[in-house]
Amino acid sequence: MKYDELINEELEELRVIEKKQKLVQFEKRVQFLICLKSGEAKTQKAAGGKVGWQVRQSQKIWQIYRERGVAGVLAKSERRGFGKLSSVEISRLNEYLREFGARSLAEIQQYVRDSFGVNYTIGGLSDLCIRLRIKLKTARPSNYLKDERAVLTYKKTSTL
C-alpha cells in the first residue's frame, strides 16, 4: 500500500500531534502513523513492530484510522467499568445467591439472562464468580455404607 498517500496529514503535523500526547498509547498510535507516512516502515507489521505491537493491534489501529482519521485514533474508548453488570445488578445477584443459592453456572446464567437481559457465556460467568468470590457451597460427602437408624439413635441419645 502507498501509506504516504493514504495518510492525509502531513509528516510535520503528525509530529506536532505526537508531542502533544500525554498518554503513551496515543503517542504510540501517532508514531505508528508517522512510520507508515515517512516510509520508515513499508508494512503495518513493520511499523507496529517499531512501536512494540503485534500484527493484529497494528491492523486494528490502521482500520480505525481509515474509518475515523486521526481523531478516531486519538479518541478514548467508552467502557462500562468491569463487565456487563452494573454494581446494582451485581448486588442483586449476590442477594439472589445468598437467598436461593445456585447449583450450577448454567442456573446463574439463566438468572442473569432473565433478570437483567445480559448474556454471559459459561466461561464469562466463571470469571465473574471468581472475581466476585462467589463459590458453590457443597456438602461434605457422606458414607454410603452408614446405617441411617444407627445415626438417628445416636443423635437421640447423644448428650452433645
N, C-alpha and C. Protein backbone atom coordinates (compact mmCIF):
# COMPACT_ATOMS: atom_id res chain seq x y z
N MET A 1 0.84 -1.19 0.00
CA MET A 1 0.00 0.00 0.00
C MET A 1 0.88 1.25 0.00
N LYS A 2 0.34 2.30 -0.54
CA LYS A 2 1.07 3.57 -0.53
C LYS A 2 0.55 4.40 0.65
N TYR A 3 1.17 4.15 1.79
CA TYR A 3 0.70 4.78 3.02
C TYR A 3 0.91 6.29 3.00
N ASP A 4 1.97 6.76 2.32
CA ASP A 4 2.20 8.21 2.29
C ASP A 4 1.06 8.94 1.59
N GLU A 5 0.37 8.26 0.67
CA GLU A 5 -0.79 8.87 0.01
C GLU A 5 -2.07 8.67 0.80
N LEU A 6 -2.16 7.52 1.47
CA LEU A 6 -3.39 7.20 2.22
C LEU A 6 -3.52 7.99 3.52
N ILE A 7 -2.39 8.36 4.11
CA ILE A 7 -2.43 9.16 5.34
C ILE A 7 -2.52 10.63 4.93
N ASN A 8 -3.64 11.26 5.30
CA ASN A 8 -3.95 12.62 4.83
C ASN A 8 -3.08 13.70 5.47
N GLU A 9 -2.70 13.52 6.72
CA GLU A 9 -1.95 14.54 7.44
C GLU A 9 -0.50 14.58 6.96
N GLU A 10 0.08 15.76 7.07
CA GLU A 10 1.50 15.93 6.72
C GLU A 10 2.36 15.36 7.84
N LEU A 11 3.60 15.03 7.51
CA LEU A 11 4.52 14.43 8.48
C LEU A 11 4.78 15.36 9.66
N GLU A 12 4.98 16.64 9.38
CA GLU A 12 5.23 17.61 10.46
C GLU A 12 4.01 17.75 11.36
N GLU A 13 2.84 17.74 10.75
CA GLU A 13 1.59 17.84 11.52
C GLU A 13 1.47 16.64 12.47
N LEU A 14 1.82 15.45 11.98
CA LEU A 14 1.77 14.25 12.82
C LEU A 14 2.77 14.33 13.97
N ARG A 15 3.94 14.90 13.70
CA ARG A 15 4.96 15.03 14.76
C ARG A 15 4.49 16.01 15.85
N VAL A 16 3.80 17.07 15.44
CA VAL A 16 3.25 18.02 16.41
C VAL A 16 2.18 17.34 17.25
N ILE A 17 1.32 16.57 16.60
CA ILE A 17 0.26 15.84 17.32
C ILE A 17 0.89 14.85 18.30
N GLU A 18 1.98 14.19 17.87
CA GLU A 18 2.66 13.22 18.74
C GLU A 18 3.19 13.88 20.00
N LYS A 19 3.79 15.06 19.85
CA LYS A 19 4.36 15.75 21.01
C LYS A 19 3.30 16.22 22.00
N LYS A 20 2.09 16.47 21.51
CA LYS A 20 1.00 16.94 22.38
C LYS A 20 0.39 15.83 23.23
N GLN A 21 0.66 14.57 22.86
CA GLN A 21 0.01 13.46 23.55
C GLN A 21 0.57 13.27 24.95
N LYS A 22 -0.35 13.08 25.91
CA LYS A 22 0.06 12.84 27.29
C LYS A 22 0.07 11.35 27.62
N LEU A 23 -0.77 10.58 26.92
CA LEU A 23 -0.84 9.15 27.16
C LEU A 23 0.05 8.40 26.16
N VAL A 24 0.80 7.43 26.67
CA VAL A 24 1.73 6.68 25.84
C VAL A 24 1.01 5.93 24.73
N GLN A 25 -0.17 5.39 25.02
CA GLN A 25 -0.89 4.62 24.00
C GLN A 25 -1.22 5.48 22.78
N PHE A 26 -1.59 6.74 23.02
CA PHE A 26 -1.91 7.62 21.89
C PHE A 26 -0.63 8.06 21.17
N GLU A 27 0.43 8.26 21.94
CA GLU A 27 1.71 8.62 21.35
C GLU A 27 2.19 7.50 20.41
N LYS A 28 2.03 6.25 20.86
CA LYS A 28 2.43 5.11 20.01
C LYS A 28 1.58 5.03 18.75
N ARG A 29 0.32 5.36 18.86
CA ARG A 29 -0.56 5.33 17.69
C ARG A 29 -0.11 6.33 16.64
N VAL A 30 0.27 7.52 17.09
CA VAL A 30 0.74 8.55 16.15
C VAL A 30 2.11 8.15 15.60
N GLN A 31 2.98 7.56 16.44
CA GLN A 31 4.28 7.08 15.96
C GLN A 31 4.09 6.03 14.86
N PHE A 32 3.10 5.17 15.04
CA PHE A 32 2.76 4.16 14.04
C PHE A 32 2.43 4.82 12.71
N LEU A 33 1.59 5.86 12.76
CA LEU A 33 1.22 6.58 11.53
C LEU A 33 2.43 7.29 10.91
N ILE A 34 3.30 7.83 11.76
CA ILE A 34 4.50 8.52 11.26
C ILE A 34 5.41 7.53 10.54
N CYS A 35 5.58 6.34 11.12
CA CYS A 35 6.42 5.31 10.48
C CYS A 35 5.89 4.95 9.10
N LEU A 36 4.58 4.84 8.99
CA LEU A 36 3.98 4.50 7.69
C LEU A 36 4.09 5.66 6.70
N LYS A 37 3.83 6.87 7.18
CA LYS A 37 3.83 8.05 6.30
C LYS A 37 5.25 8.35 5.79
N SER A 38 6.23 8.24 6.67
CA SER A 38 7.60 8.59 6.29
C SER A 38 8.27 7.53 5.42
N GLY A 39 7.69 6.34 5.38
CA GLY A 39 8.31 5.27 4.60
C GLY A 39 9.34 4.51 5.41
N GLU A 40 9.49 4.87 6.66
CA GLU A 40 10.42 4.18 7.56
C GLU A 40 10.05 2.70 7.67
N ALA A 41 8.75 2.43 7.61
CA ALA A 41 8.25 1.05 7.60
C ALA A 41 7.34 0.90 6.38
N LYS A 42 7.51 -0.19 5.67
CA LYS A 42 6.73 -0.41 4.45
C LYS A 42 5.41 -1.11 4.72
N THR A 43 5.32 -1.82 5.84
CA THR A 43 4.10 -2.59 6.15
C THR A 43 3.59 -2.22 7.54
N GLN A 44 2.33 -2.57 7.78
CA GLN A 44 1.75 -2.35 9.10
C GLN A 44 2.49 -3.18 10.15
N LYS A 45 2.88 -4.38 9.78
CA LYS A 45 3.60 -5.26 10.70
C LYS A 45 4.92 -4.62 11.14
N ALA A 46 5.66 -4.06 10.18
CA ALA A 46 6.95 -3.43 10.48
C ALA A 46 6.76 -2.18 11.34
N ALA A 47 5.77 -1.37 11.00
CA ALA A 47 5.50 -0.15 11.78
C ALA A 47 5.05 -0.50 13.19
N GLY A 48 4.20 -1.52 13.29
CA GLY A 48 3.75 -1.97 14.61
C GLY A 48 4.90 -2.52 15.43
N GLY A 49 5.81 -3.23 14.78
CA GLY A 49 6.99 -3.76 15.48
C GLY A 49 7.86 -2.65 16.05
N LYS A 50 7.95 -1.53 15.35
CA LYS A 50 8.77 -0.41 15.83
C LYS A 50 8.21 0.22 17.11
N VAL A 51 6.89 0.17 17.26
CA VAL A 51 6.29 0.73 18.48
C VAL A 51 5.95 -0.35 19.51
N GLY A 52 6.28 -1.62 19.18
CA GLY A 52 6.09 -2.70 20.15
C GLY A 52 4.73 -3.38 20.09
N TRP A 53 4.13 -3.44 18.92
CA TRP A 53 2.81 -4.06 18.78
C TRP A 53 2.90 -5.35 17.99
N GLN A 54 1.88 -6.18 18.16
CA GLN A 54 1.70 -7.36 17.33
C GLN A 54 0.96 -6.94 16.05
N VAL A 55 0.87 -7.86 15.11
CA VAL A 55 0.25 -7.56 13.81
C VAL A 55 -1.22 -7.16 13.97
N ARG A 56 -1.95 -7.90 14.80
CA ARG A 56 -3.40 -7.64 14.94
C ARG A 56 -3.66 -6.24 15.48
N GLN A 57 -2.86 -5.82 16.44
CA GLN A 57 -3.04 -4.48 17.01
C GLN A 57 -2.76 -3.41 15.95
N SER A 58 -1.74 -3.63 15.14
CA SER A 58 -1.44 -2.69 14.05
C SER A 58 -2.59 -2.61 13.07
N GLN A 59 -3.15 -3.76 12.72
CA GLN A 59 -4.28 -3.79 11.79
C GLN A 59 -5.48 -3.05 12.36
N LYS A 60 -5.70 -3.21 13.65
CA LYS A 60 -6.84 -2.57 14.31
C LYS A 60 -6.70 -1.04 14.27
N ILE A 61 -5.51 -0.54 14.60
CA ILE A 61 -5.29 0.91 14.60
C ILE A 61 -5.40 1.45 13.17
N TRP A 62 -4.88 0.72 12.20
CA TRP A 62 -4.98 1.17 10.81
C TRP A 62 -6.45 1.23 10.37
N GLN A 63 -7.23 0.24 10.77
CA GLN A 63 -8.65 0.23 10.43
C GLN A 63 -9.37 1.42 11.06
N ILE A 64 -9.05 1.72 12.32
CA ILE A 64 -9.65 2.88 12.98
C ILE A 64 -9.26 4.16 12.25
N TYR A 65 -7.99 4.26 11.84
CA TYR A 65 -7.55 5.46 11.11
C TYR A 65 -8.30 5.60 9.79
N ARG A 66 -8.46 4.50 9.06
CA ARG A 66 -9.16 4.54 7.76
C ARG A 66 -10.62 4.95 7.92
N GLU A 67 -11.24 4.53 9.02
CA GLU A 67 -12.66 4.83 9.23
C GLU A 67 -12.89 6.23 9.79
N ARG A 68 -12.05 6.63 10.77
CA ARG A 68 -12.33 7.87 11.51
C ARG A 68 -11.20 8.89 11.51
N GLY A 69 -10.07 8.57 10.90
CA GLY A 69 -8.97 9.52 10.84
C GLY A 69 -8.20 9.61 12.15
N VAL A 70 -7.38 10.66 12.27
CA VAL A 70 -6.55 10.84 13.46
C VAL A 70 -7.42 11.04 14.70
N ALA A 71 -8.54 11.71 14.55
CA ALA A 71 -9.43 11.93 15.70
C ALA A 71 -9.91 10.60 16.27
N GLY A 72 -10.21 9.65 15.39
CA GLY A 72 -10.64 8.33 15.85
C GLY A 72 -9.53 7.57 16.54
N VAL A 73 -8.32 7.71 16.04
CA VAL A 73 -7.17 7.03 16.64
C VAL A 73 -6.88 7.59 18.03
N LEU A 74 -7.13 8.88 18.21
CA LEU A 74 -6.84 9.53 19.49
C LEU A 74 -8.04 9.58 20.44
N ALA A 75 -9.15 8.99 20.04
CA ALA A 75 -10.35 9.01 20.89
C ALA A 75 -10.26 7.93 21.95
N LYS A 76 -10.68 8.28 23.15
CA LYS A 76 -10.73 7.30 24.23
C LYS A 76 -11.96 6.42 24.03
N SER A 77 -11.78 5.12 24.27
CA SER A 77 -12.92 4.22 24.13
C SER A 77 -13.79 4.32 25.38
N GLU A 78 -15.09 4.26 25.16
CA GLU A 78 -16.03 4.32 26.27
C GLU A 78 -16.27 2.92 26.79
N ARG A 79 -15.89 2.67 28.02
CA ARG A 79 -16.10 1.37 28.63
C ARG A 79 -17.05 1.51 29.80
N ARG A 80 -17.76 0.42 30.10
CA ARG A 80 -18.73 0.44 31.18
C ARG A 80 -18.16 -0.14 32.47
N GLY A 81 -16.94 0.10 32.77
CA GLY A 81 -16.40 -0.44 34.01
C GLY A 81 -15.92 -1.87 33.82
N PHE A 82 -16.15 -2.70 34.82
CA PHE A 82 -15.60 -4.06 34.81
C PHE A 82 -16.21 -4.94 33.75
N GLY A 83 -17.50 -5.10 33.79
CA GLY A 83 -18.11 -6.07 32.90
C GLY A 83 -19.46 -5.60 32.43
N LYS A 84 -20.32 -6.56 32.20
CA LYS A 84 -21.62 -6.26 31.62
C LYS A 84 -22.64 -5.86 32.68
N LEU A 85 -22.39 -6.19 33.94
CA LEU A 85 -23.35 -5.90 35.01
C LEU A 85 -22.94 -4.65 35.78
N SER A 86 -23.92 -3.84 36.15
CA SER A 86 -23.65 -2.67 36.97
C SER A 86 -23.50 -3.12 38.42
N SER A 87 -23.08 -2.21 39.28
CA SER A 87 -22.89 -2.56 40.70
C SER A 87 -24.22 -2.93 41.35
N VAL A 88 -25.31 -2.30 40.93
CA VAL A 88 -26.63 -2.63 41.48
C VAL A 88 -27.02 -4.05 41.08
N GLU A 89 -26.78 -4.38 39.82
CA GLU A 89 -27.12 -5.73 39.34
C GLU A 89 -26.26 -6.79 40.03
N ILE A 90 -25.00 -6.46 40.29
CA ILE A 90 -24.13 -7.40 41.00
C ILE A 90 -24.62 -7.63 42.42
N SER A 91 -25.06 -6.55 43.09
CA SER A 91 -25.57 -6.72 44.46
C SER A 91 -26.86 -7.53 44.45
N ARG A 92 -27.72 -7.35 43.43
CA ARG A 92 -28.94 -8.17 43.33
C ARG A 92 -28.60 -9.63 43.07
N LEU A 93 -27.57 -9.88 42.27
CA LEU A 93 -27.12 -11.25 42.02
C LEU A 93 -26.61 -11.89 43.31
N ASN A 94 -25.84 -11.13 44.09
CA ASN A 94 -25.35 -11.65 45.38
C ASN A 94 -26.49 -11.96 46.33
N GLU A 95 -27.51 -11.09 46.37
CA GLU A 95 -28.68 -11.34 47.22
C GLU A 95 -29.39 -12.62 46.80
N TYR A 96 -29.58 -12.79 45.49
CA TYR A 96 -30.24 -13.98 44.97
C TYR A 96 -29.46 -15.24 45.37
N LEU A 97 -28.14 -15.18 45.22
CA LEU A 97 -27.33 -16.35 45.55
C LEU A 97 -27.33 -16.64 47.04
N ARG A 98 -27.36 -15.60 47.87
CA ARG A 98 -27.43 -15.81 49.32
C ARG A 98 -28.77 -16.42 49.71
N GLU A 99 -29.84 -15.94 49.07
CA GLU A 99 -31.18 -16.38 49.43
C GLU A 99 -31.52 -17.76 48.87
N PHE A 100 -31.26 -17.96 47.59
CA PHE A 100 -31.69 -19.20 46.93
C PHE A 100 -30.53 -20.14 46.62
N GLY A 101 -29.34 -19.60 46.48
CA GLY A 101 -28.21 -20.44 46.08
C GLY A 101 -28.33 -20.82 44.62
N ALA A 102 -27.31 -21.45 44.12
CA ALA A 102 -27.34 -21.91 42.73
C ALA A 102 -26.53 -23.19 42.65
N ARG A 103 -27.07 -24.15 41.96
CA ARG A 103 -26.40 -25.45 41.86
C ARG A 103 -25.33 -25.46 40.76
N SER A 104 -25.48 -24.58 39.78
CA SER A 104 -24.52 -24.62 38.66
C SER A 104 -24.38 -23.24 38.03
N LEU A 105 -23.36 -23.11 37.20
CA LEU A 105 -23.17 -21.87 36.46
C LEU A 105 -24.30 -21.65 35.46
N ALA A 106 -24.84 -22.74 34.93
CA ALA A 106 -25.96 -22.62 33.99
C ALA A 106 -27.18 -22.00 34.66
N GLU A 107 -27.39 -22.34 35.93
CA GLU A 107 -28.50 -21.76 36.69
C GLU A 107 -28.29 -20.26 36.90
N ILE A 108 -27.06 -19.87 37.23
CA ILE A 108 -26.73 -18.45 37.40
C ILE A 108 -26.88 -17.73 36.06
N GLN A 109 -26.44 -18.38 34.99
CA GLN A 109 -26.55 -17.81 33.65
C GLN A 109 -28.01 -17.53 33.30
N GLN A 110 -28.88 -18.47 33.62
CA GLN A 110 -30.31 -18.30 33.34
C GLN A 110 -30.88 -17.14 34.15
N TYR A 111 -30.50 -17.04 35.44
CA TYR A 111 -30.99 -15.95 36.29
C TYR A 111 -30.54 -14.59 35.74
N VAL A 112 -29.26 -14.49 35.36
CA VAL A 112 -28.73 -13.22 34.84
C VAL A 112 -29.43 -12.85 33.54
N ARG A 113 -29.67 -13.83 32.68
CA ARG A 113 -30.34 -13.57 31.41
C ARG A 113 -31.78 -13.11 31.64
N ASP A 114 -32.50 -13.80 32.54
CA ASP A 114 -33.90 -13.47 32.80
C ASP A 114 -34.06 -12.15 33.54
N SER A 115 -33.23 -11.92 34.54
CA SER A 115 -33.38 -10.74 35.40
C SER A 115 -32.84 -9.46 34.76
N PHE A 116 -31.67 -9.55 34.14
CA PHE A 116 -31.00 -8.34 33.67
C PHE A 116 -30.93 -8.23 32.15
N GLY A 117 -31.28 -9.30 31.45
CA GLY A 117 -31.21 -9.28 29.99
C GLY A 117 -29.79 -9.26 29.46
N VAL A 118 -28.85 -9.79 30.24
CA VAL A 118 -27.44 -9.80 29.85
C VAL A 118 -27.03 -11.24 29.56
N ASN A 119 -26.41 -11.44 28.40
CA ASN A 119 -25.97 -12.78 28.02
C ASN A 119 -24.51 -12.97 28.39
N TYR A 120 -24.24 -13.92 29.25
CA TYR A 120 -22.89 -14.31 29.62
C TYR A 120 -22.65 -15.73 29.14
N THR A 121 -21.44 -16.01 28.70
CA THR A 121 -21.08 -17.39 28.43
C THR A 121 -20.76 -18.06 29.77
N ILE A 122 -20.70 -19.38 29.76
CA ILE A 122 -20.36 -20.09 30.99
C ILE A 122 -18.96 -19.70 31.46
N GLY A 123 -18.04 -19.57 30.52
CA GLY A 123 -16.68 -19.15 30.87
C GLY A 123 -16.65 -17.74 31.45
N GLY A 124 -17.44 -16.85 30.87
CA GLY A 124 -17.52 -15.48 31.38
C GLY A 124 -18.11 -15.44 32.77
N LEU A 125 -19.13 -16.27 33.00
CA LEU A 125 -19.73 -16.34 34.34
C LEU A 125 -18.76 -16.92 35.34
N SER A 126 -17.98 -17.90 34.92
CA SER A 126 -16.97 -18.47 35.80
C SER A 126 -15.98 -17.40 36.24
N ASP A 127 -15.52 -16.59 35.29
CA ASP A 127 -14.61 -15.49 35.62
C ASP A 127 -15.27 -14.47 36.54
N LEU A 128 -16.55 -14.17 36.28
CA LEU A 128 -17.29 -13.23 37.13
C LEU A 128 -17.40 -13.77 38.55
N CYS A 129 -17.71 -15.04 38.69
CA CYS A 129 -17.84 -15.65 40.02
C CYS A 129 -16.51 -15.64 40.76
N ILE A 130 -15.42 -15.88 40.05
CA ILE A 130 -14.10 -15.82 40.69
C ILE A 130 -13.82 -14.40 41.15
N ARG A 131 -14.12 -13.41 40.29
CA ARG A 131 -13.86 -12.01 40.64
C ARG A 131 -14.69 -11.56 41.83
N LEU A 132 -15.96 -12.04 41.89
CA LEU A 132 -16.85 -11.64 42.98
C LEU A 132 -16.72 -12.56 44.20
N ARG A 133 -15.82 -13.54 44.10
CA ARG A 133 -15.59 -14.52 45.17
C ARG A 133 -16.86 -15.28 45.52
N ILE A 134 -17.60 -15.67 44.50
CA ILE A 134 -18.80 -16.50 44.67
C ILE A 134 -18.35 -17.94 44.52
N LYS A 135 -18.61 -18.75 45.54
CA LYS A 135 -18.17 -20.13 45.50
C LYS A 135 -19.36 -21.04 45.75
N LEU A 136 -19.45 -22.09 44.95
CA LEU A 136 -20.51 -23.07 45.12
C LEU A 136 -20.33 -23.77 46.46
N LYS A 137 -21.36 -23.76 47.28
CA LYS A 137 -21.30 -24.42 48.58
C LYS A 137 -21.78 -25.85 48.42
N THR A 138 -20.91 -26.79 48.67
CA THR A 138 -21.29 -28.20 48.55
C THR A 138 -21.13 -28.87 49.91
N ALA A 139 -22.03 -29.79 50.19
CA ALA A 139 -21.99 -30.51 51.46
C ALA A 139 -20.85 -31.52 51.43
N ARG A 140 -20.41 -31.91 52.62
CA ARG A 140 -19.39 -32.94 52.70
C ARG A 140 -19.99 -34.26 52.24
N PRO A 141 -19.20 -35.08 51.59
CA PRO A 141 -19.73 -36.37 51.17
C PRO A 141 -20.00 -37.26 52.37
N SER A 142 -21.05 -38.06 52.28
CA SER A 142 -21.37 -38.96 53.38
C SER A 142 -21.07 -40.39 52.97
N ASN A 143 -20.84 -41.21 53.96
CA ASN A 143 -20.51 -42.61 53.70
C ASN A 143 -21.75 -43.34 53.21
N TYR A 144 -21.64 -44.00 52.09
CA TYR A 144 -22.79 -44.69 51.54
C TYR A 144 -23.11 -45.98 52.30
N LEU A 145 -22.22 -46.43 53.17
CA LEU A 145 -22.44 -47.66 53.94
C LEU A 145 -23.07 -47.40 55.31
N LYS A 146 -23.26 -46.14 55.67
CA LYS A 146 -23.74 -45.85 57.03
C LYS A 146 -25.17 -46.33 57.23
N ASP A 147 -25.47 -46.65 58.46
CA ASP A 147 -26.79 -47.15 58.84
C ASP A 147 -27.60 -45.97 59.35
N GLU A 148 -28.69 -45.63 58.65
CA GLU A 148 -29.50 -44.46 59.00
C GLU A 148 -30.11 -44.59 60.39
N ARG A 149 -30.59 -45.80 60.74
CA ARG A 149 -31.21 -45.98 62.07
C ARG A 149 -30.18 -45.78 63.18
N ALA A 150 -28.99 -46.25 62.97
CA ALA A 150 -27.94 -46.08 63.98
C ALA A 150 -27.60 -44.61 64.15
N VAL A 151 -27.59 -43.87 63.06
CA VAL A 151 -27.31 -42.44 63.13
C VAL A 151 -28.41 -41.73 63.91
N LEU A 152 -29.68 -42.07 63.64
CA LEU A 152 -30.81 -41.44 64.34
C LEU A 152 -30.79 -41.76 65.83
N THR A 153 -30.51 -43.00 66.19
CA THR A 153 -30.46 -43.35 67.62
C THR A 153 -29.30 -42.65 68.30
N TYR A 154 -28.19 -42.49 67.61
CA TYR A 154 -27.06 -41.78 68.18
C TYR A 154 -27.42 -40.32 68.43
N LYS A 155 -28.10 -39.71 67.46
CA LYS A 155 -28.48 -38.31 67.62
C LYS A 155 -29.47 -38.13 68.76
N LYS A 156 -30.37 -39.11 68.96
CA LYS A 156 -31.37 -39.01 70.02
C LYS A 156 -30.75 -39.22 71.39
N THR A 157 -29.75 -40.10 71.48
CA THR A 157 -29.16 -40.41 72.78
C THR A 157 -27.92 -39.61 73.08
N SER A 158 -27.42 -38.88 72.11
CA SER A 158 -26.20 -38.12 72.30
C SER A 158 -26.45 -36.95 73.25
N THR A 159 -25.48 -36.66 74.10
CA THR A 159 -25.61 -35.55 75.07
C THR A 159 -24.97 -34.27 74.57
N LEU A 160 -24.54 -34.28 73.36
CA LEU A 160 -23.91 -33.07 72.82
C LEU A 160 -24.91 -32.05 72.58
